[in-house]
Amino acid sequence: MQKQRPFSSSRRRFLQTSAGAAGSLNILSGFVQGQGTAANGKLNMAFVGAGGRANANISGCDKAGQNIYALCDVDHSRAGGSFKKYPNAKVYTDWREMLEKEGDKIDAVVVSTPDHLHAVSAMAALKMGKHVYVEKPLTLSISEARALHAEAKKQGVCTQMGNTGHAAEGARLTNEYIRSGSIGEISKIYCRTDRPIWPQDILRPRGEPAPKTLDWNLWLGPAADKPYSPQIAPFKWRGFLDYGTGALGDMGAHIIDHPVWALGLGLPSKIRVEKADRNTPGAEKDTHPLSCIIHYEFAATDSRGPIEIEWRDGKYEIPRPEGTRGDKEMPKNGCLYLGSEHNLMHGSHGGKPEIIDAAHGKFQAPAKTEERSPGHYVEWVGAIQQGDPSRAKSNFDVAAPLTETLLLGVIGSVLGEGTELTWDAEAMTTGNAEADKWVQHSYRDGWSL
């Protein structure tokens, strides 16, 4: 394993100041985008985040035949397995240093950090002209999703978000079942996850000294300077407003993705929060609610009527429709489509679609018309190799609007029960002054896009 060179305290201070950060990005933008710079024409890939979820992303790119060139993680203990598995990879703690020192050798960057770090690291890579893969949800805020989308288009690079179910066979089947009209007209869809599986509706825990293997300041990155707690990092951060997007942001990309894609829903026009359960006074300042019911309204188009998605998480289950087959249970994580001819359900991550009403015997599966995926990572690599961003089916043209939809629900849930938002996508306003504050992102001094 190649060790990184010492990162001097003076240079660290340079990068952590506003002027230094801006100067660093100016340096980064001077690099030339590589194309298959590794041996045998493989892509040199760099990873921001090398432990936890990153293990699957690193493995996916490895199996897609690419070179694991550089690994970066703020917690060398958590990322130790990856460092050991890829001993020839260059190892870093600070992704900014990795991009600056290795930028002319890197073709693509994979971001597998907590949500609050996605935008700043991905934007730096995009400004270098690098192809980028970002874990889901794409960003912590709507303004960040818009910014990444715009920069990716400007650079003409190939992007992908980590909602891996987008490449699944079940996702393609769902598209065919719905687009063919085989289940009839759809006016309502239930989407549900049984998460959170981490604490929500809690106050921020008391701070503790961070482990010596963790650079807590870099973990915080653009977020406010607050103390470390093992009740936040490395796993439970998803429940905290500063770092994660709760159950909806976590699983919505694997669940809401499918009806949005199959029906071409675009962005919602209205969002209404029916339930946002809380038991802890003051927790709304720190964490997401325990369980939610959120209604999304999508306006009618020339080809379909208006559609409602009802999102349920935590304790709220999908109600069982009348006439459902006795051997079928509602999905704990997935979707139920109420069609005029049949009711259809599937699990998360493109789970296998099934007709669940009593008339299922009359259902005739439509012809296979959707292009099948070679795999989520292979799609992205192929897009890069072919110079065609559209080959990656969850590229930022898809991922940014989907993330925007998820985050509108998250914003509503944070403001609480009874919140109603009317989304003006052009003006990026909700008709609610408090909600609008959550649309635009703010950054700690020394950090920005």
Protein backbone atom coordinates (compact mmCIF):
# COMPACT_ATOMS: atom_id res chain seq x y z
CA MET A 1 0.00 0.00 0.00
CA GLN A 2 1.47 3.33 -1.04
CA LYS A 3 1.25 5.83 1.77
CA GLN A 4 0.34 9.43 1.16
CA ARG A 5 2.93 12.08 1.70
CA PRO A 6 2.52 14.15 4.86
CA PHE A 7 -0.05 16.89 4.53
CA SER A 8 1.61 19.92 6.07
CA SER A 9 -0.21 22.01 8.63
CA SER A 10 0.36 25.14 6.57
CA ARG A 11 -1.17 23.51 3.50
CA ARG A 12 -4.07 22.21 5.59
CA ARG A 13 -4.74 25.74 6.81
CA PHE A 14 -4.52 26.97 3.22
CA LEU A 15 -7.21 24.58 2.03
CA GLN A 16 -9.46 25.28 5.00
CA THR A 17 -9.69 29.02 4.41
CA SER A 18 -12.04 30.64 1.96
CA ALA A 19 -9.22 32.03 -0.16
CA GLY A 20 -7.34 28.77 0.02
CA ALA A 21 -10.33 26.71 -0.99
CA ALA A 22 -10.99 28.96 -3.97
CA GLY A 23 -7.32 28.86 -4.92
CA SER A 24 -7.29 25.10 -4.67
CA LEU A 25 -10.24 24.78 -7.03
CA ASN A 26 -8.53 27.08 -9.50
CA ILE A 27 -5.55 24.75 -9.46
CA LEU A 28 -7.79 21.71 -9.91
CA SER A 29 -9.58 23.17 -12.89
CA GLY A 30 -6.30 23.36 -14.77
CA PHE A 31 -5.92 19.61 -15.07
CA VAL A 32 -6.58 17.84 -18.33
CA GLN A 33 -9.25 15.15 -18.32
CA GLY A 34 -7.72 11.69 -18.74
CA GLN A 35 -9.21 9.03 -21.00
CA GLY A 36 -8.17 5.49 -20.20
CA THR A 37 -4.84 6.52 -18.73
CA ALA A 38 -4.27 3.24 -16.88
CA ALA A 39 -2.61 0.19 -18.40
CA ASN A 40 -4.50 -1.56 -21.23
CA GLY A 41 -6.79 1.41 -21.71
CA LYS A 42 -8.54 0.97 -18.37
CA LEU A 43 -9.94 4.00 -16.60
CA ASN A 44 -8.08 5.26 -13.57
CA MET A 45 -10.72 5.64 -10.87
CA ALA A 46 -10.47 7.63 -7.66
CA PHE A 47 -12.81 7.12 -4.70
CA VAL A 48 -13.94 9.75 -2.21
CA GLY A 49 -14.95 7.43 0.59
CA ALA A 50 -13.46 3.94 0.86
CA GLY A 51 -15.33 2.29 3.75
CA GLY A 52 -18.95 1.35 4.37
CA ARG A 53 -21.12 1.78 1.27
CA ALA A 54 -17.99 2.62 -0.73
CA ASN A 55 -16.97 -1.05 -0.59
CA ALA A 56 -19.78 -1.96 -3.00
CA ASN A 57 -18.96 0.92 -5.34
CA ILE A 58 -15.26 0.09 -5.43
CA SER A 59 -16.05 -3.57 -6.04
CA GLY A 60 -18.55 -2.64 -8.77
CA CYS A 61 -15.96 -0.60 -10.66
CA ASP A 62 -13.35 -3.30 -10.15
CA LYS A 63 -15.69 -5.96 -11.56
CA ALA A 64 -16.39 -3.63 -14.48
CA GLY A 65 -12.70 -4.05 -15.31
CA GLN A 66 -11.34 -0.67 -14.31
CA ASN A 67 -8.25 0.36 -12.35
CA ILE A 68 -8.70 1.24 -8.67
CA TYR A 69 -6.17 4.03 -8.77
CA ALA A 70 -6.69 6.11 -5.61
CA LEU A 71 -8.64 5.72 -2.37
CA CYS A 72 -9.53 8.48 0.06
CA ASP A 73 -11.25 8.25 3.42
CA VAL A 74 -11.30 10.41 6.54
CA ASP A 75 -11.45 7.24 8.69
CA HIS A 76 -8.55 4.94 7.89
CA SER A 77 -9.79 2.30 10.29
CA ARG A 78 -13.19 2.03 8.61
CA ALA A 79 -11.58 2.04 5.17
CA GLY A 80 -8.86 -0.42 6.13
CA GLY A 81 -10.43 -3.33 4.26
CA SER A 82 -10.32 -1.42 0.97
CA PHE A 83 -6.76 -0.27 1.55
CA LYS A 84 -5.71 -3.87 2.15
CA LYS A 85 -7.66 -5.25 -0.83
CA TYR A 86 -6.08 -2.74 -3.23
CA PRO A 87 -2.48 -2.39 -2.03
CA ASN A 88 -1.36 -0.59 -5.20
CA ALA A 89 -3.90 2.20 -4.83
CA LYS A 90 -2.68 5.58 -3.64
CA VAL A 91 -4.16 6.42 -0.24
CA TYR A 92 -5.36 9.81 0.99
CA THR A 93 -7.28 11.31 3.89
CA ASP A 94 -8.31 14.59 2.22
CA TRP A 95 -10.06 14.28 -1.16
CA ARG A 96 -8.93 17.79 -2.11
CA GLU A 97 -5.31 16.75 -1.82
CA MET A 98 -6.02 13.57 -3.78
CA LEU A 99 -7.59 15.50 -6.65
CA GLU A 100 -4.84 18.10 -6.69
CA LYS A 101 -1.96 15.63 -6.68
CA GLU A 102 -3.47 12.89 -8.83
CA GLY A 103 -5.85 14.91 -10.99
CA ASP A 104 -3.91 14.59 -14.24
CA LYS A 105 -3.93 10.79 -13.85
CA ILE A 106 -7.57 10.32 -12.85
CA ASP A 107 -10.33 9.65 -15.38
CA ALA A 108 -13.33 9.26 -13.07
CA VAL A 109 -14.32 9.93 -9.47
CA VAL A 110 -16.75 7.97 -7.29
CA VAL A 111 -18.28 9.77 -4.28
CA SER A 112 -19.49 7.48 -1.47
CA THR A 113 -19.62 9.84 1.50
CA PRO A 114 -22.45 10.98 3.79
CA ASP A 115 -24.98 13.13 1.91
CA HIS A 116 -23.64 16.50 3.08
CA LEU A 117 -20.29 15.92 1.35
CA HIS A 118 -21.62 14.78 -2.02
CA ALA A 119 -21.91 18.16 -3.71
CA VAL A 120 -18.61 19.76 -2.75
CA SER A 121 -16.48 16.77 -3.73
CA ALA A 122 -18.45 15.96 -6.88
CA MET A 123 -18.38 19.58 -8.02
CA ALA A 124 -14.60 19.76 -7.64
CA ALA A 125 -14.25 16.65 -9.81
CA LEU A 126 -16.71 17.98 -12.39
CA LYS A 127 -14.81 21.26 -12.66
CA MET A 128 -11.75 19.18 -13.50
CA GLY A 129 -13.71 17.58 -16.33
CA LYS A 130 -13.85 14.19 -14.61
CA HIS A 131 -16.63 11.67 -15.04
CA VAL A 132 -18.50 11.33 -11.75
CA TYR A 133 -20.54 8.68 -9.93
CA VAL A 134 -22.31 9.89 -6.78
CA GLU A 135 -24.14 7.86 -4.16
CA LYS A 136 -27.83 8.51 -3.63
CA PRO A 137 -29.44 10.86 -2.91
CA LEU A 138 -27.41 13.06 -5.20
CA THR A 139 -27.18 15.97 -2.75
CA LEU A 140 -28.38 17.30 0.59
CA SER A 141 -30.19 20.27 -0.95
CA ILE A 142 -32.07 21.21 -4.11
CA SER A 143 -29.71 24.05 -5.01
CA GLU A 144 -26.80 21.59 -4.92
CA ALA A 145 -28.60 19.13 -7.20
CA ARG A 146 -29.27 21.90 -9.69
CA ALA A 147 -25.64 23.03 -9.55
CA LEU A 148 -24.18 19.56 -10.14
CA HIS A 149 -26.59 18.94 -13.01
CA ALA A 150 -25.65 22.22 -14.68
CA GLU A 151 -21.92 21.64 -14.31
CA ALA A 152 -22.12 18.09 -15.65
CA LYS A 153 -23.93 19.40 -18.74
CA LYS A 154 -21.37 22.15 -19.15
CA GLN A 155 -18.45 19.73 -18.96
CA GLY A 156 -20.09 17.08 -21.15
CA VAL A 157 -18.98 14.30 -18.83
CA CYS A 158 -20.64 10.98 -18.01
CA THR A 159 -22.43 10.78 -14.68
CA GLN A 160 -24.38 8.23 -12.66
CA MET A 161 -26.17 8.20 -9.29
CA GLY A 162 -25.98 5.16 -7.04
CA ASN A 163 -29.62 4.07 -7.19
CA THR A 164 -28.51 0.67 -8.47
CA GLY A 165 -32.06 -0.67 -8.89
CA HIS A 166 -32.43 1.62 -11.90
CA ALA A 167 -30.49 -1.03 -13.84
CA ALA A 168 -32.51 -4.00 -12.55
CA GLU A 169 -34.63 -6.30 -14.71
CA GLY A 170 -37.61 -5.51 -12.47
CA ALA A 171 -37.31 -1.82 -13.30
CA ARG A 172 -37.48 -2.57 -17.01
CA LEU A 173 -40.46 -4.89 -16.52
CA THR A 174 -42.27 -2.23 -14.49
CA ASN A 175 -41.74 0.26 -17.30
CA GLU A 176 -43.21 -2.21 -19.80
CA TYR A 177 -46.20 -3.12 -17.62
CA ILE A 178 -47.08 0.53 -17.12
CA ARG A 179 -46.17 2.08 -20.48
CA SER A 180 -47.98 -0.62 -22.44
CA GLY A 181 -51.23 0.17 -20.62
CA SER A 182 -51.43 -3.42 -19.41
CA ILE A 183 -52.61 -2.39 -15.94
CA GLY A 184 -54.80 0.43 -17.22
CA GLU A 185 -54.90 4.06 -16.15
CA ILE A 186 -53.04 4.92 -12.95
CA SER A 187 -54.08 7.74 -10.67
CA LYS A 188 -52.47 6.76 -7.35
CA ILE A 189 -49.28 5.04 -6.23
CA TYR A 190 -48.21 4.11 -2.73
CA CYS A 191 -44.48 4.12 -2.00
CA ARG A 192 -43.16 2.83 1.31
CA THR A 193 -40.05 1.98 3.31
CA ASP A 194 -39.85 0.44 6.76
CA ARG A 195 -36.85 2.67 7.54
CA PRO A 196 -35.48 4.46 9.51
CA ILE A 197 -33.31 1.73 11.03
CA TRP A 198 -31.28 4.44 12.79
CA PRO A 199 -32.51 6.92 15.44
CA GLN A 200 -34.61 9.89 14.35
CA ASP A 201 -36.58 12.44 16.39
CA ILE A 202 -33.73 12.72 18.90
CA LEU A 203 -31.67 15.62 20.21
CA ARG A 204 -28.06 15.88 19.18
CA PRO A 205 -26.02 13.68 21.54
CA ARG A 206 -23.30 15.02 23.79
CA GLY A 207 -19.97 15.48 22.06
CA GLU A 208 -17.07 13.10 22.64
CA PRO A 209 -13.44 12.99 21.49
CA ALA A 210 -13.19 11.59 17.99
CA PRO A 211 -11.18 8.39 17.44
CA LYS A 212 -7.58 8.99 16.44
CA THR A 213 -8.21 7.21 13.14
CA LEU A 214 -10.94 9.72 12.17
CA ASP A 215 -10.38 13.27 10.92
CA TRP A 216 -13.61 14.73 12.24
CA ASN A 217 -13.03 18.17 10.74
CA LEU A 218 -12.80 16.66 7.26
CA TRP A 219 -15.82 14.44 7.97
CA LEU A 220 -17.80 17.61 8.73
CA GLY A 221 -16.50 19.32 5.61
CA PRO A 222 -19.03 22.04 4.64
CA ALA A 223 -21.34 21.31 7.60
CA ALA A 224 -21.35 23.43 10.75
CA ASP A 225 -18.55 22.86 13.24
CA LYS A 226 -20.20 20.60 15.84
CA PRO A 227 -18.77 17.91 18.13
CA TYR A 228 -18.26 14.28 17.19
CA SER A 229 -20.43 11.52 18.60
CA PRO A 230 -20.42 7.77 17.89
CA GLN A 231 -24.21 8.19 17.73
CA ILE A 232 -23.64 10.09 14.48
CA ALA A 233 -20.61 8.64 12.72
CA PRO A 234 -19.98 6.30 11.06
CA PHE A 235 -23.56 5.10 10.42
CA LYS A 236 -26.34 6.98 12.18
CA TRP A 237 -25.76 10.32 10.46
CA ARG A 238 -28.72 9.73 8.09
CA GLY A 239 -31.17 10.79 10.78
CA PHE A 240 -29.47 14.18 11.34
CA LEU A 241 -30.53 17.25 9.37
CA ASP A 242 -26.94 18.48 8.99
CA TYR A 243 -25.73 15.33 7.26
CA GLY A 244 -28.54 13.15 5.92
CA THR A 245 -31.99 13.13 4.39
CA GLY A 246 -33.72 10.59 6.63
CA ALA A 247 -35.72 7.59 5.50
CA LEU A 248 -37.17 9.36 2.45
CA GLY A 249 -33.83 10.53 1.11
CA ASP A 250 -32.20 7.19 1.79
CA MET A 251 -34.77 4.85 0.25
CA GLY A 252 -36.79 7.12 -2.00
CA ALA A 253 -34.11 6.90 -4.67
CA HIS A 254 -34.65 3.12 -4.74
CA ILE A 255 -38.45 3.29 -4.58
CA ILE A 256 -39.95 6.54 -5.90
CA ASP A 257 -37.49 6.28 -8.77
CA HIS A 258 -39.58 3.60 -10.49
CA PRO A 259 -42.97 5.34 -10.82
CA VAL A 260 -41.26 8.62 -11.69
CA TRP A 261 -39.36 6.84 -14.48
CA ALA A 262 -42.13 4.58 -15.76
CA LEU A 263 -44.73 7.35 -15.94
CA GLY A 264 -42.42 10.21 -16.87
CA LEU A 265 -43.73 12.19 -13.91
CA GLY A 266 -41.12 14.93 -13.85
CA LEU A 267 -41.29 17.26 -10.86
CA PRO A 268 -44.26 17.46 -8.48
CA SER A 269 -46.50 20.50 -8.43
CA LYS A 270 -47.65 20.15 -4.81
CA ILE A 271 -46.48 18.40 -1.63
CA ARG A 272 -48.60 17.91 1.47
CA VAL A 273 -47.42 16.44 4.77
CA GLU A 274 -50.16 14.40 6.43
CA LYS A 275 -48.01 12.87 9.17
CA ALA A 276 -44.57 13.70 10.56
CA ASP A 277 -44.46 11.99 13.94
CA ARG A 278 -42.45 13.51 16.77
CA ASN A 279 -42.25 12.75 20.49
CA THR A 280 -39.15 14.73 21.49
CA PRO A 281 -39.50 18.51 21.99
CA GLY A 282 -36.69 20.36 20.23
CA ALA A 283 -35.65 17.40 18.09
CA GLU A 284 -36.94 19.15 14.97
CA LYS A 285 -33.78 21.30 15.13
CA ASP A 286 -31.51 18.28 14.87
CA THR A 287 -33.15 15.22 13.35
CA HIS A 288 -35.81 13.95 10.97
CA PRO A 289 -39.22 12.75 12.23
CA LEU A 290 -39.96 9.17 13.29
CA SER A 291 -42.53 8.28 10.62
CA CYS A 292 -44.16 10.17 7.77
CA ILE A 293 -47.03 10.20 5.30
CA ILE A 294 -46.35 12.64 2.46
CA HIS A 295 -48.51 13.30 -0.59
CA TYR A 296 -46.98 14.31 -3.92
CA GLU A 297 -49.16 15.67 -6.71
CA PHE A 298 -48.02 15.49 -10.33
CA ALA A 299 -49.98 17.54 -12.84
CA ALA A 300 -51.77 15.98 -15.80
CA THR A 301 -50.11 15.90 -19.22
CA ASP A 302 -51.40 15.37 -22.74
CA SER A 303 -50.85 11.62 -22.35
CA ARG A 304 -52.16 11.00 -18.81
CA GLY A 305 -54.24 12.40 -16.00
CA PRO A 306 -52.97 13.78 -12.68
CA ILE A 307 -51.13 11.30 -10.46
CA GLU A 308 -50.62 11.18 -6.71
CA ILE A 309 -47.77 9.42 -4.97
CA GLU A 310 -48.36 8.75 -1.29
CA TRP A 311 -45.08 8.18 0.53
CA ARG A 312 -45.14 6.24 3.81
CA ASP A 313 -42.21 5.38 6.06
CA GLY A 314 -41.51 4.06 9.54
CA LYS A 315 -44.66 2.65 11.16
CA TYR A 316 -47.02 3.60 8.31
CA GLU A 317 -47.75 0.64 6.05
CA ILE A 318 -49.36 0.54 2.62
CA PRO A 319 -53.11 -0.14 2.98
CA ARG A 320 -54.26 -3.39 1.43
CA PRO A 321 -56.55 -2.75 -1.57
CA GLU A 322 -59.88 -4.52 -1.76
CA GLY A 323 -59.69 -7.61 -3.98
CA THR A 324 -56.01 -8.33 -3.32
CA ARG A 325 -55.00 -11.98 -3.66
CA GLY A 326 -54.82 -13.73 -0.30
CA ASP A 327 -51.24 -14.88 -0.81
CA LYS A 328 -49.88 -11.36 -1.31
CA GLU A 329 -48.65 -8.98 1.38
CA MET A 330 -48.00 -5.30 0.82
CA PRO A 331 -44.29 -4.50 0.31
CA LYS A 332 -42.34 -3.31 3.33
CA ASN A 333 -40.07 -1.50 0.90
CA GLY A 334 -41.56 -0.85 -2.51
CA CYS A 335 -44.53 0.40 -4.51
CA LEU A 336 -48.19 -0.33 -5.13
CA TYR A 337 -49.78 1.01 -8.33
CA LEU A 338 -53.57 1.23 -8.44
CA GLY A 339 -54.56 0.70 -12.07
CA SER A 340 -57.97 0.73 -13.67
CA GLU A 341 -57.40 -2.84 -14.91
CA HIS A 342 -54.95 -4.33 -12.41
CA ASN A 343 -53.00 -3.49 -9.28
CA LEU A 344 -49.23 -3.88 -9.52
CA MET A 345 -46.62 -4.02 -6.78
CA HIS A 346 -42.86 -4.41 -6.61
CA GLY A 347 -40.09 -4.15 -4.05
CA SER A 348 -37.33 -1.58 -3.76
CA HIS A 349 -34.27 -1.56 -6.02
CA GLY A 350 -36.38 -2.57 -9.00
CA GLY A 351 -37.88 -5.55 -7.17
CA LYS A 352 -39.83 -8.02 -9.28
CA PRO A 353 -43.23 -6.57 -10.32
CA GLU A 354 -46.34 -8.67 -9.64
CA ILE A 355 -50.05 -8.38 -10.46
CA ILE A 356 -51.77 -8.81 -7.11
CA ASP A 357 -55.51 -8.42 -7.74
CA ALA A 358 -57.96 -11.30 -8.03
CA ALA A 359 -58.17 -10.85 -11.81
CA HIS A 360 -54.45 -11.50 -12.23
CA GLY A 361 -55.18 -14.56 -14.39
CA LYS A 362 -56.46 -12.27 -17.13
CA PHE A 363 -53.25 -10.23 -17.18
CA GLN A 364 -51.14 -10.58 -20.29
CA ALA A 365 -47.52 -9.56 -19.94
CA PRO A 366 -46.54 -7.04 -22.61
CA ALA A 367 -43.72 -7.47 -25.09
CA LYS A 368 -40.19 -6.65 -24.00
CA THR A 369 -39.57 -3.20 -25.42
CA GLU A 370 -37.15 -1.71 -22.89
CA GLU A 371 -33.41 -1.87 -23.37
CA ARG A 372 -31.85 -4.16 -20.75
CA SER A 373 -28.91 -2.99 -18.67
CA PRO A 374 -25.50 -4.69 -18.59
CA GLY A 375 -25.24 -3.52 -14.97
CA HIS A 376 -25.27 -0.19 -13.16
CA TYR A 377 -21.49 0.27 -13.05
CA VAL A 378 -20.93 -1.24 -16.49
CA GLU A 379 -23.45 1.25 -17.90
CA TRP A 380 -21.46 4.16 -16.51
CA VAL A 381 -18.11 2.78 -17.65
CA GLY A 382 -19.57 2.10 -21.09
CA ALA A 383 -20.90 5.65 -21.30
CA ILE A 384 -17.40 6.97 -20.59
CA GLN A 385 -15.75 4.64 -23.07
CA GLN A 386 -18.29 5.47 -25.78
CA GLY A 387 -18.35 9.19 -24.99
CA ASP A 388 -22.14 9.07 -24.62
CA PRO A 389 -23.52 10.32 -21.26
CA SER A 390 -26.99 8.94 -22.11
CA ARG A 391 -25.71 5.37 -21.88
CA ALA A 392 -25.72 5.72 -18.09
CA LYS A 393 -29.45 5.54 -17.37
CA SER A 394 -29.37 7.25 -13.99
CA ASN A 395 -27.17 10.11 -15.16
CA PHE A 396 -27.71 13.53 -13.65
CA ASP A 397 -30.45 14.36 -16.20
CA VAL A 398 -32.43 11.68 -14.34
CA ALA A 399 -30.84 11.82 -10.88
CA ALA A 400 -31.05 15.57 -10.27
CA PRO A 401 -34.84 15.92 -10.80
CA LEU A 402 -35.45 12.69 -8.83
CA THR A 403 -33.36 14.04 -5.95
CA GLU A 404 -35.23 17.35 -6.16
CA THR A 405 -38.52 15.47 -5.78
CA LEU A 406 -37.26 13.54 -2.77
CA LEU A 407 -35.89 16.67 -1.10
CA LEU A 408 -39.18 18.55 -1.45
CA GLY A 409 -40.77 15.81 0.64
CA VAL A 410 -37.89 15.95 3.11
CA ILE A 411 -38.29 19.70 3.48
CA GLY A 412 -42.02 19.31 4.10
CA SER A 413 -41.44 16.63 6.73
CA VAL A 414 -38.92 18.81 8.56
CA LEU A 415 -41.46 21.66 8.75
CA GLY A 416 -44.04 19.21 10.09
CA GLU A 417 -47.61 18.01 9.76
CA GLY A 418 -49.97 20.17 7.76
CA THR A 419 -47.19 21.70 5.66
CA GLU A 420 -48.23 22.35 2.06
CA LEU A 421 -45.76 23.33 -0.63
CA THR A 422 -46.47 24.50 -4.18
CA TRP A 423 -43.34 23.96 -6.24
CA ASP A 424 -42.40 26.59 -8.80
CA ALA A 425 -39.50 24.78 -10.45
CA GLU A 426 -38.37 27.77 -12.49
CA ALA A 427 -38.25 30.19 -9.56
CA MET A 428 -37.24 27.43 -7.10
CA THR A 429 -39.84 28.58 -4.59
CA THR A 430 -42.43 26.67 -2.57
CA GLY A 431 -44.90 29.36 -1.52
CA ASN A 432 -43.60 28.88 2.03
CA ALA A 433 -40.87 31.22 3.27
CA GLU A 434 -39.50 28.72 5.81
CA ALA A 435 -39.36 25.96 3.24
CA ASP A 436 -37.54 28.21 0.77
CA LYS A 437 -34.72 28.57 3.27
CA TRP A 438 -34.10 24.82 2.93
CA VAL A 439 -34.02 24.94 -0.87
CA GLN A 440 -30.77 26.93 -0.93
CA HIS A 441 -27.69 25.46 0.71
CA SER A 442 -25.33 27.27 3.07
CA TYR A 443 -21.75 26.25 3.78
CA ARG A 444 -19.24 26.52 6.56
CA ASP A 445 -16.54 29.16 6.03
CA GLY A 446 -13.86 27.81 3.71
CA TRP A 447 -16.24 25.52 1.83
CA SER A 448 -18.38 26.18 -1.21
CA LEU A 449 -19.25 24.83 -4.64
